[in-house]
Amino acid sequence: MVFGLEEIPEEILKAYQDRKNAVGGQGLQISDILNMLQTTSAGKRAFVCIDALDECAAGHVARILDSLGQLLHRSPGTRIFVTGRPHILPEIRARLGERVTSISIGPKRDDIITYLNSRLATDTTSDAMDSSLEADILEKIASDISEMYVGATTLQNSCQATC
């Protein structure tokens, strides 16, 4: 969150220490994180990356998106990049409106097979698998992953000359 800053703002250090010292070492709340993001991005160009938003608990997605909308409104130099599967895009569009530009991404089948082959080559129990089973694994995983992971969304503040 604070990569690229010359020093970590006192406000962020204090919030981190307060939470760390709390009973049970509670994590930060969305409001705390939003305040930290605003502190670090105020008056600067900042980039926030959120990977796999669709894997977030359903009840939290709306709060996160609303918080991102507030961040974009308060920090015009902020750009947000969110990845997730396509089913989350309608909720992103509903909460952030015209500020959303989406692109579809997905892995290439050859890349998946290359990765799987490299992993299978380092298998310490290679005698447990024959070439037929290996071919089945490569085919099944490569085809399932290619269909499964798609979607990226970039969010940017639509407030240009008026902010």
N, C-alpha and C. Protein backbone atom coordinates (compact mmCIF):
# COMPACT_ATOMS: atom_id res chain seq x y z
N MET A 1 0.82 -1.19 0.00
CA MET A 1 0.00 0.00 0.00
C MET A 1 0.86 1.26 0.00
N VAL A 2 2.01 1.20 0.63
CA VAL A 2 2.81 2.41 0.75
C VAL A 2 4.10 2.32 -0.05
N PHE A 3 4.18 1.40 -0.98
CA PHE A 3 5.36 1.25 -1.81
C PHE A 3 5.57 2.53 -2.62
N GLY A 4 6.78 2.99 -2.67
CA GLY A 4 7.09 4.17 -3.45
C GLY A 4 7.11 5.46 -2.63
N LEU A 5 6.64 5.42 -1.39
CA LEU A 5 6.69 6.61 -0.55
C LEU A 5 8.05 6.68 0.12
N GLU A 6 8.54 7.89 0.34
CA GLU A 6 9.83 8.05 1.01
C GLU A 6 9.75 7.58 2.46
N GLU A 7 8.63 7.82 3.10
CA GLU A 7 8.42 7.32 4.46
C GLU A 7 6.94 7.02 4.65
N ILE A 8 6.66 6.12 5.55
CA ILE A 8 5.28 5.74 5.81
C ILE A 8 4.64 6.82 6.66
N PRO A 9 3.48 7.37 6.24
CA PRO A 9 2.82 8.42 7.01
C PRO A 9 2.50 7.95 8.44
N GLU A 10 2.65 8.86 9.37
CA GLU A 10 2.41 8.58 10.80
C GLU A 10 1.02 7.99 11.03
N GLU A 11 0.03 8.51 10.32
CA GLU A 11 -1.35 8.04 10.44
C GLU A 11 -1.47 6.54 10.15
N ILE A 12 -0.74 6.08 9.15
CA ILE A 12 -0.77 4.66 8.77
C ILE A 12 -0.05 3.82 9.80
N LEU A 13 1.11 4.28 10.26
CA LEU A 13 1.83 3.55 11.30
C LEU A 13 1.00 3.40 12.56
N LYS A 14 0.33 4.47 12.96
CA LYS A 14 -0.49 4.43 14.17
C LYS A 14 -1.66 3.46 14.01
N ALA A 15 -2.36 3.52 12.88
CA ALA A 15 -3.49 2.61 12.67
C ALA A 15 -3.03 1.16 12.68
N TYR A 16 -1.89 0.89 12.05
CA TYR A 16 -1.36 -0.47 12.03
C TYR A 16 -1.02 -0.94 13.45
N GLN A 17 -0.32 -0.10 14.21
CA GLN A 17 0.05 -0.47 15.58
C GLN A 17 -1.17 -0.66 16.47
N ASP A 18 -2.17 0.22 16.33
CA ASP A 18 -3.38 0.11 17.13
C ASP A 18 -4.07 -1.23 16.89
N ARG A 19 -4.17 -1.62 15.65
CA ARG A 19 -4.84 -2.90 15.31
C ARG A 19 -4.00 -4.10 15.72
N LYS A 20 -2.70 -3.97 15.56
CA LYS A 20 -1.79 -5.06 15.90
C LYS A 20 -1.83 -5.34 17.41
N ASN A 21 -1.97 -4.27 18.20
CA ASN A 21 -1.98 -4.41 19.65
C ASN A 21 -3.36 -4.70 20.22
N ALA A 22 -4.38 -4.67 19.39
CA ALA A 22 -5.75 -4.94 19.85
C ALA A 22 -5.86 -6.41 20.25
N VAL A 23 -6.82 -6.70 21.10
CA VAL A 23 -7.04 -8.08 21.54
C VAL A 23 -7.28 -8.96 20.31
N GLY A 24 -6.52 -10.00 20.21
CA GLY A 24 -6.67 -10.91 19.07
C GLY A 24 -6.01 -10.41 17.80
N GLY A 25 -5.36 -9.27 17.82
CA GLY A 25 -4.67 -8.75 16.65
C GLY A 25 -5.58 -8.56 15.45
N GLN A 26 -6.74 -7.94 15.67
CA GLN A 26 -7.72 -7.72 14.60
C GLN A 26 -7.10 -7.05 13.39
N GLY A 27 -7.65 -7.38 12.23
CA GLY A 27 -7.22 -6.71 11.01
C GLY A 27 -7.87 -5.35 10.89
N LEU A 28 -7.42 -4.59 9.93
CA LEU A 28 -7.97 -3.26 9.68
C LEU A 28 -9.38 -3.36 9.09
N GLN A 29 -10.20 -2.40 9.40
CA GLN A 29 -11.54 -2.31 8.84
C GLN A 29 -11.46 -1.59 7.49
N ILE A 30 -12.49 -1.76 6.67
CA ILE A 30 -12.50 -1.10 5.36
C ILE A 30 -12.35 0.41 5.51
N SER A 31 -12.99 0.99 6.51
CA SER A 31 -12.87 2.44 6.71
C SER A 31 -11.43 2.84 7.02
N ASP A 32 -10.73 2.01 7.80
CA ASP A 32 -9.31 2.29 8.09
C ASP A 32 -8.48 2.24 6.82
N ILE A 33 -8.71 1.22 6.01
CA ILE A 33 -7.96 1.05 4.77
C ILE A 33 -8.24 2.21 3.82
N LEU A 34 -9.52 2.61 3.73
CA LEU A 34 -9.89 3.73 2.87
C LEU A 34 -9.17 5.00 3.31
N ASN A 35 -9.14 5.26 4.61
CA ASN A 35 -8.44 6.44 5.12
C ASN A 35 -6.95 6.38 4.80
N MET A 36 -6.35 5.20 4.91
CA MET A 36 -4.93 5.05 4.59
C MET A 36 -4.68 5.29 3.11
N LEU A 37 -5.55 4.75 2.28
CA LEU A 37 -5.39 4.96 0.84
C LEU A 37 -5.51 6.44 0.49
N GLN A 38 -6.46 7.12 1.13
CA GLN A 38 -6.62 8.55 0.87
C GLN A 38 -5.39 9.32 1.35
N THR A 39 -4.84 8.92 2.49
CA THR A 39 -3.64 9.59 3.01
C THR A 39 -2.48 9.43 2.05
N THR A 40 -2.28 8.22 1.54
CA THR A 40 -1.13 7.97 0.67
C THR A 40 -1.32 8.52 -0.74
N SER A 41 -2.57 8.69 -1.17
CA SER A 41 -2.80 9.14 -2.55
C SER A 41 -3.18 10.60 -2.67
N ALA A 42 -3.36 11.29 -1.56
CA ALA A 42 -3.78 12.69 -1.61
C ALA A 42 -2.79 13.53 -2.40
N GLY A 43 -3.28 14.16 -3.45
CA GLY A 43 -2.47 15.06 -4.25
C GLY A 43 -1.45 14.37 -5.14
N LYS A 44 -1.50 13.04 -5.21
CA LYS A 44 -0.53 12.30 -6.01
C LYS A 44 -1.27 11.36 -6.95
N ARG A 45 -0.56 10.88 -7.93
CA ARG A 45 -1.09 9.83 -8.79
C ARG A 45 -0.81 8.51 -8.08
N ALA A 46 -1.84 7.72 -7.85
CA ALA A 46 -1.69 6.46 -7.13
C ALA A 46 -2.42 5.36 -7.86
N PHE A 47 -1.93 4.15 -7.72
CA PHE A 47 -2.55 2.99 -8.33
C PHE A 47 -2.86 1.97 -7.25
N VAL A 48 -4.08 1.49 -7.25
CA VAL A 48 -4.54 0.47 -6.31
C VAL A 48 -4.89 -0.76 -7.13
N CYS A 49 -4.33 -1.90 -6.76
CA CYS A 49 -4.61 -3.14 -7.48
C CYS A 49 -5.31 -4.12 -6.54
N ILE A 50 -6.42 -4.65 -6.99
CA ILE A 50 -7.17 -5.64 -6.22
C ILE A 50 -7.35 -6.86 -7.10
N ASP A 51 -6.77 -7.96 -6.67
CA ASP A 51 -6.84 -9.19 -7.44
C ASP A 51 -7.96 -10.07 -6.91
N ALA A 52 -8.70 -10.68 -7.82
CA ALA A 52 -9.72 -11.68 -7.51
C ALA A 52 -10.84 -11.13 -6.62
N LEU A 53 -11.39 -9.98 -6.96
CA LEU A 53 -12.49 -9.41 -6.19
C LEU A 53 -13.66 -10.38 -6.10
N ASP A 54 -13.85 -11.19 -7.13
CA ASP A 54 -14.95 -12.16 -7.12
C ASP A 54 -14.79 -13.23 -6.04
N GLU A 55 -13.60 -13.38 -5.48
CA GLU A 55 -13.37 -14.37 -4.44
C GLU A 55 -13.60 -13.80 -3.04
N CYS A 56 -13.91 -12.54 -2.97
CA CYS A 56 -14.22 -11.89 -1.70
C CYS A 56 -15.61 -12.36 -1.24
N ALA A 57 -15.81 -12.45 0.06
CA ALA A 57 -17.12 -12.83 0.59
C ALA A 57 -18.18 -11.90 0.02
N ALA A 58 -19.28 -12.49 -0.44
CA ALA A 58 -20.33 -11.73 -1.15
C ALA A 58 -20.78 -10.49 -0.39
N GLY A 59 -20.92 -10.57 0.89
CA GLY A 59 -21.38 -9.43 1.67
C GLY A 59 -20.40 -8.27 1.71
N HIS A 60 -19.14 -8.53 1.40
CA HIS A 60 -18.12 -7.48 1.47
C HIS A 60 -17.88 -6.78 0.15
N VAL A 61 -18.25 -7.41 -0.96
CA VAL A 61 -17.97 -6.82 -2.28
C VAL A 61 -18.60 -5.44 -2.43
N ALA A 62 -19.87 -5.32 -2.04
CA ALA A 62 -20.57 -4.03 -2.16
C ALA A 62 -19.87 -2.95 -1.33
N ARG A 63 -19.45 -3.29 -0.11
CA ARG A 63 -18.77 -2.31 0.75
C ARG A 63 -17.43 -1.91 0.16
N ILE A 64 -16.72 -2.87 -0.40
CA ILE A 64 -15.43 -2.56 -1.01
C ILE A 64 -15.62 -1.64 -2.21
N LEU A 65 -16.58 -1.97 -3.07
CA LEU A 65 -16.83 -1.14 -4.25
C LEU A 65 -17.30 0.26 -3.87
N ASP A 66 -18.15 0.37 -2.87
CA ASP A 66 -18.58 1.69 -2.41
C ASP A 66 -17.39 2.49 -1.87
N SER A 67 -16.52 1.81 -1.15
CA SER A 67 -15.32 2.47 -0.62
C SER A 67 -14.40 2.92 -1.74
N LEU A 68 -14.25 2.09 -2.77
CA LEU A 68 -13.44 2.47 -3.92
C LEU A 68 -14.03 3.69 -4.62
N GLY A 69 -15.35 3.74 -4.72
CA GLY A 69 -16.02 4.90 -5.30
C GLY A 69 -15.72 6.16 -4.51
N GLN A 70 -15.74 6.06 -3.17
CA GLN A 70 -15.41 7.21 -2.32
C GLN A 70 -13.95 7.63 -2.53
N LEU A 71 -13.07 6.65 -2.62
CA LEU A 71 -11.66 6.94 -2.84
C LEU A 71 -11.45 7.67 -4.16
N LEU A 72 -12.10 7.20 -5.21
CA LEU A 72 -11.98 7.86 -6.52
C LEU A 72 -12.50 9.29 -6.47
N HIS A 73 -13.58 9.49 -5.73
CA HIS A 73 -14.17 10.83 -5.62
C HIS A 73 -13.24 11.78 -4.84
N ARG A 74 -12.64 11.27 -3.76
CA ARG A 74 -11.80 12.12 -2.91
C ARG A 74 -10.36 12.27 -3.41
N SER A 75 -9.90 11.31 -4.19
CA SER A 75 -8.51 11.33 -4.67
C SER A 75 -8.50 11.19 -6.19
N PRO A 76 -8.71 12.29 -6.91
CA PRO A 76 -8.84 12.24 -8.36
C PRO A 76 -7.65 11.63 -9.10
N GLY A 77 -6.47 11.61 -8.49
CA GLY A 77 -5.30 11.04 -9.16
C GLY A 77 -5.20 9.53 -9.03
N THR A 78 -6.14 8.93 -8.34
CA THR A 78 -6.09 7.49 -8.09
C THR A 78 -6.69 6.71 -9.25
N ARG A 79 -6.02 5.63 -9.60
CA ARG A 79 -6.52 4.68 -10.60
C ARG A 79 -6.59 3.32 -9.93
N ILE A 80 -7.62 2.58 -10.22
CA ILE A 80 -7.82 1.29 -9.58
C ILE A 80 -7.90 0.21 -10.66
N PHE A 81 -7.19 -0.87 -10.42
CA PHE A 81 -7.21 -2.02 -11.32
C PHE A 81 -7.74 -3.20 -10.53
N VAL A 82 -8.82 -3.79 -11.02
CA VAL A 82 -9.47 -4.90 -10.33
C VAL A 82 -9.53 -6.09 -11.28
N THR A 83 -9.18 -7.27 -10.77
CA THR A 83 -9.39 -8.47 -11.57
C THR A 83 -10.47 -9.32 -10.94
N GLY A 84 -11.13 -10.09 -11.76
CA GLY A 84 -12.16 -11.00 -11.29
C GLY A 84 -12.83 -11.69 -12.45
N ARG A 85 -13.60 -12.67 -12.15
CA ARG A 85 -14.33 -13.38 -13.20
C ARG A 85 -15.49 -12.51 -13.67
N PRO A 86 -15.97 -12.77 -14.87
CA PRO A 86 -16.96 -11.88 -15.50
C PRO A 86 -18.25 -11.67 -14.70
N HIS A 87 -18.66 -12.61 -13.86
CA HIS A 87 -19.94 -12.45 -13.17
C HIS A 87 -19.98 -11.28 -12.20
N ILE A 88 -18.82 -10.73 -11.84
CA ILE A 88 -18.79 -9.60 -10.90
C ILE A 88 -18.91 -8.25 -11.61
N LEU A 89 -18.70 -8.23 -12.91
CA LEU A 89 -18.71 -6.98 -13.66
C LEU A 89 -20.02 -6.20 -13.53
N PRO A 90 -21.20 -6.83 -13.58
CA PRO A 90 -22.43 -6.04 -13.42
C PRO A 90 -22.49 -5.28 -12.08
N GLU A 91 -22.02 -5.90 -11.01
CA GLU A 91 -22.03 -5.20 -9.72
C GLU A 91 -21.02 -4.05 -9.71
N ILE A 92 -19.88 -4.26 -10.34
CA ILE A 92 -18.89 -3.19 -10.44
C ILE A 92 -19.49 -2.01 -11.21
N ARG A 93 -20.11 -2.32 -12.34
CA ARG A 93 -20.74 -1.26 -13.15
C ARG A 93 -21.87 -0.56 -12.38
N ALA A 94 -22.67 -1.32 -11.65
CA ALA A 94 -23.78 -0.75 -10.90
C ALA A 94 -23.30 0.21 -9.82
N ARG A 95 -22.18 -0.10 -9.19
CA ARG A 95 -21.70 0.72 -8.08
C ARG A 95 -20.76 1.85 -8.51
N LEU A 96 -20.09 1.69 -9.66
CA LEU A 96 -19.11 2.70 -10.07
C LEU A 96 -19.45 3.36 -11.40
N GLY A 97 -20.52 2.94 -12.04
CA GLY A 97 -21.05 3.61 -13.22
C GLY A 97 -20.10 3.77 -14.38
N GLU A 98 -20.11 4.96 -14.96
CA GLU A 98 -19.38 5.23 -16.19
C GLU A 98 -17.86 5.26 -16.00
N ARG A 99 -17.41 5.18 -14.79
CA ARG A 99 -15.96 5.18 -14.53
C ARG A 99 -15.30 3.85 -14.88
N VAL A 100 -16.09 2.85 -15.25
CA VAL A 100 -15.57 1.50 -15.47
C VAL A 100 -15.26 1.25 -16.94
N THR A 101 -14.06 0.79 -17.17
CA THR A 101 -13.66 0.29 -18.49
C THR A 101 -13.25 -1.15 -18.26
N SER A 102 -13.77 -2.08 -19.03
CA SER A 102 -13.40 -3.48 -18.80
C SER A 102 -12.74 -4.09 -20.01
N ILE A 103 -11.86 -5.01 -19.73
CA ILE A 103 -11.21 -5.79 -20.77
C ILE A 103 -11.27 -7.26 -20.36
N SER A 104 -11.31 -8.12 -21.33
CA SER A 104 -11.35 -9.54 -21.06
C SER A 104 -9.95 -10.12 -21.21
N ILE A 105 -9.54 -10.88 -20.22
CA ILE A 105 -8.24 -11.53 -20.29
C ILE A 105 -8.39 -13.00 -20.01
N GLY A 106 -7.44 -13.77 -20.40
CA GLY A 106 -7.47 -15.20 -20.11
C GLY A 106 -6.13 -15.83 -20.46
N PRO A 107 -5.83 -16.93 -19.84
CA PRO A 107 -4.55 -17.58 -20.12
C PRO A 107 -4.56 -18.27 -21.47
N LYS A 108 -3.40 -18.42 -22.06
CA LYS A 108 -3.26 -19.15 -23.31
C LYS A 108 -3.04 -20.63 -22.97
N ARG A 109 -3.70 -21.48 -23.71
CA ARG A 109 -3.61 -22.92 -23.48
C ARG A 109 -2.16 -23.39 -23.47
N ASP A 110 -1.35 -22.92 -24.41
CA ASP A 110 0.06 -23.33 -24.48
C ASP A 110 0.83 -22.93 -23.22
N ASP A 111 0.52 -21.77 -22.66
CA ASP A 111 1.18 -21.33 -21.43
C ASP A 111 0.83 -22.25 -20.26
N ILE A 112 -0.42 -22.66 -20.20
CA ILE A 112 -0.85 -23.56 -19.13
C ILE A 112 -0.14 -24.90 -19.25
N ILE A 113 -0.08 -25.42 -20.45
CA ILE A 113 0.57 -26.72 -20.67
C ILE A 113 2.07 -26.63 -20.36
N THR A 114 2.71 -25.54 -20.76
CA THR A 114 4.13 -25.35 -20.45
C THR A 114 4.35 -25.33 -18.94
N TYR A 115 3.50 -24.60 -18.23
CA TYR A 115 3.61 -24.53 -16.77
C TYR A 115 3.40 -25.91 -16.14
N LEU A 116 2.35 -26.60 -16.56
CA LEU A 116 2.07 -27.92 -15.99
C LEU A 116 3.21 -28.91 -16.28
N ASN A 117 3.76 -28.87 -17.48
CA ASN A 117 4.89 -29.75 -17.81
C ASN A 117 6.08 -29.46 -16.91
N SER A 118 6.35 -28.19 -16.64
CA SER A 118 7.48 -27.85 -15.77
C SER A 118 7.25 -28.36 -14.35
N ARG A 119 6.01 -28.29 -13.89
CA ARG A 119 5.69 -28.80 -12.55
C ARG A 119 5.77 -30.32 -12.50
N LEU A 120 5.26 -30.99 -13.54
CA LEU A 120 5.32 -32.45 -13.59
C LEU A 120 6.76 -32.94 -13.68
N ALA A 121 7.63 -32.18 -14.33
CA ALA A 121 9.03 -32.57 -14.47
C ALA A 121 9.76 -32.57 -13.13
N THR A 122 9.27 -31.79 -12.17
CA THR A 122 9.92 -31.73 -10.85
C THR A 122 9.20 -32.59 -9.82
N ASP A 123 8.25 -33.40 -10.26
CA ASP A 123 7.49 -34.28 -9.37
C ASP A 123 8.42 -35.34 -8.78
N THR A 124 8.45 -35.43 -7.46
CA THR A 124 9.34 -36.39 -6.81
C THR A 124 8.77 -37.81 -6.79
N THR A 125 7.52 -37.96 -7.17
CA THR A 125 6.89 -39.29 -7.23
C THR A 125 6.45 -39.59 -8.66
N SER A 126 7.34 -39.35 -9.60
CA SER A 126 6.99 -39.51 -11.02
C SER A 126 6.60 -40.93 -11.39
N ASP A 127 7.04 -41.93 -10.64
CA ASP A 127 6.67 -43.31 -10.95
C ASP A 127 5.21 -43.61 -10.64
N ALA A 128 4.52 -42.70 -9.97
CA ALA A 128 3.11 -42.91 -9.62
C ALA A 128 2.18 -42.55 -10.78
N MET A 129 2.73 -42.03 -11.88
CA MET A 129 1.89 -41.59 -12.99
C MET A 129 2.44 -42.12 -14.31
N ASP A 130 1.55 -42.70 -15.12
CA ASP A 130 2.00 -43.13 -16.45
C ASP A 130 1.71 -42.02 -17.46
N SER A 131 2.16 -42.20 -18.69
CA SER A 131 2.02 -41.14 -19.71
C SER A 131 0.56 -40.88 -20.06
N SER A 132 -0.30 -41.89 -19.96
CA SER A 132 -1.72 -41.70 -20.26
C SER A 132 -2.39 -40.79 -19.22
N LEU A 133 -2.09 -41.04 -17.95
CA LEU A 133 -2.64 -40.20 -16.89
C LEU A 133 -2.12 -38.77 -17.01
N GLU A 134 -0.84 -38.62 -17.31
CA GLU A 134 -0.25 -37.29 -17.48
C GLU A 134 -0.94 -36.53 -18.61
N ALA A 135 -1.18 -37.20 -19.73
CA ALA A 135 -1.86 -36.57 -20.87
C ALA A 135 -3.28 -36.15 -20.49
N ASP A 136 -3.99 -37.01 -19.73
CA ASP A 136 -5.34 -36.67 -19.29
C ASP A 136 -5.33 -35.45 -18.38
N ILE A 137 -4.37 -35.40 -17.47
CA ILE A 137 -4.27 -34.25 -16.55
C ILE A 137 -4.02 -32.97 -17.33
N LEU A 138 -3.07 -33.01 -18.25
CA LEU A 138 -2.75 -31.82 -19.05
C LEU A 138 -3.97 -31.35 -19.84
N GLU A 139 -4.69 -32.26 -20.44
CA GLU A 139 -5.86 -31.90 -21.25
C GLU A 139 -6.97 -31.30 -20.39
N LYS A 140 -7.28 -31.96 -19.29
CA LYS A 140 -8.41 -31.53 -18.44
C LYS A 140 -8.13 -30.17 -17.80
N ILE A 141 -6.97 -30.03 -17.18
CA ILE A 141 -6.65 -28.77 -16.49
C ILE A 141 -6.55 -27.62 -17.49
N ALA A 142 -5.87 -27.84 -18.59
CA ALA A 142 -5.70 -26.77 -19.58
C ALA A 142 -7.04 -26.30 -20.13
N SER A 143 -7.96 -27.21 -20.39
CA SER A 143 -9.26 -26.80 -20.95
C SER A 143 -10.13 -26.13 -19.90
N ASP A 144 -10.11 -26.63 -18.65
CA ASP A 144 -10.94 -26.03 -17.60
C ASP A 144 -10.46 -24.63 -17.22
N ILE A 145 -9.16 -24.44 -17.09
CA ILE A 145 -8.64 -23.13 -16.70
C ILE A 145 -8.90 -22.12 -17.81
N SER A 146 -8.76 -22.50 -19.04
CA SER A 146 -8.97 -21.58 -20.15
C SER A 146 -10.39 -21.01 -20.13
N GLU A 147 -11.35 -21.81 -19.71
CA GLU A 147 -12.73 -21.35 -19.65
C GLU A 147 -13.02 -20.58 -18.38
N MET A 148 -12.27 -20.82 -17.33
CA MET A 148 -12.62 -20.31 -16.02
C MET A 148 -12.16 -18.88 -15.75
N TYR A 149 -10.93 -18.54 -16.03
CA TYR A 149 -10.42 -17.25 -15.59
C TYR A 149 -10.42 -16.23 -16.71
N VAL A 150 -11.36 -15.32 -16.62
CA VAL A 150 -11.43 -14.23 -17.58
C VAL A 150 -11.87 -12.98 -16.85
N GLY A 151 -11.46 -11.84 -17.34
CA GLY A 151 -12.02 -10.59 -16.86
C GLY A 151 -11.05 -9.75 -16.07
N ALA A 152 -10.96 -8.51 -16.44
CA ALA A 152 -10.20 -7.52 -15.69
C ALA A 152 -10.94 -6.22 -15.84
N THR A 153 -10.89 -5.40 -14.85
CA THR A 153 -11.58 -4.14 -14.90
C THR A 153 -10.66 -3.04 -14.43
N THR A 154 -10.57 -1.98 -15.19
CA THR A 154 -9.82 -0.82 -14.72
C THR A 154 -10.84 0.25 -14.37
N LEU A 155 -10.63 0.87 -13.27
CA LEU A 155 -11.54 1.92 -12.82
C LEU A 155 -10.73 3.21 -12.76
N GLN A 156 -11.28 4.25 -13.29
CA GLN A 156 -10.59 5.52 -13.17
C GLN A 156 -11.60 6.62 -12.89
N ASN A 157 -11.13 7.62 -12.24
CA ASN A 157 -11.99 8.73 -11.88
C ASN A 157 -12.42 9.46 -13.15
N SER A 158 -13.71 9.60 -13.32
CA SER A 158 -14.22 10.28 -14.52
C SER A 158 -14.19 11.79 -14.36
N CYS A 159 -13.81 12.24 -13.20
CA CYS A 159 -13.77 13.66 -12.89
C CYS A 159 -12.49 14.26 -13.46
N GLN A 160 -12.52 14.87 -14.62
CA GLN A 160 -11.31 15.36 -15.27
C GLN A 160 -11.12 16.87 -14.99
N ALA A 161 -11.64 17.71 -15.84
CA ALA A 161 -11.40 19.16 -15.74
C ALA A 161 -12.16 19.80 -14.58
N THR A 162 -13.21 19.16 -14.09
CA THR A 162 -14.04 19.79 -13.06
C THR A 162 -13.51 19.57 -11.65
N CYS A 163 -12.53 18.68 -11.47
CA CYS A 163 -12.06 18.40 -10.10
C CYS A 163 -10.77 19.12 -9.79
